[in-house]
Amino acid sequence: MAKPAEEKKFASGRPLRRLSATQLAKKLSDVLNRVHYQRETVIVERGGKPVCQLAPVPGSLEFQLSDLVALLDSLPSPGEEWAQAVRQGVAEQDEYEGVEWPR
């Protein structure tokens, strides 16, 4: 019985998946789409040992929203002092008065 694909994440937040060579052969098109569009990296194993890695070509796609989310998730929290400063700045703002733009 084939073991299920193992999914982890790199420190960058990008998905990492491990597949057997048989699983790759059966789902090659799907795997290539995941590598290209979802920026996953796939480790291909034979007999439970890694033999190769499929990864997106650097620069093949522009920075995506998922990359931004992963980057923001990896950053430390700014802390309560920062949040309080933002609340204070918002509270001290003057009321916005709409401006009519000429047509």
Foldseek 3Di string as FASTA:
>chain_A
DADDWDWDADLLRQIEIEEEPVVCVVCVVVVVCCQAPSQYKYFYDYPPHTDDIDGYDPPPDDDDPSSVVSNVVSDDDPDDVVVVVVVVVVVPDDDDDDDDDDD
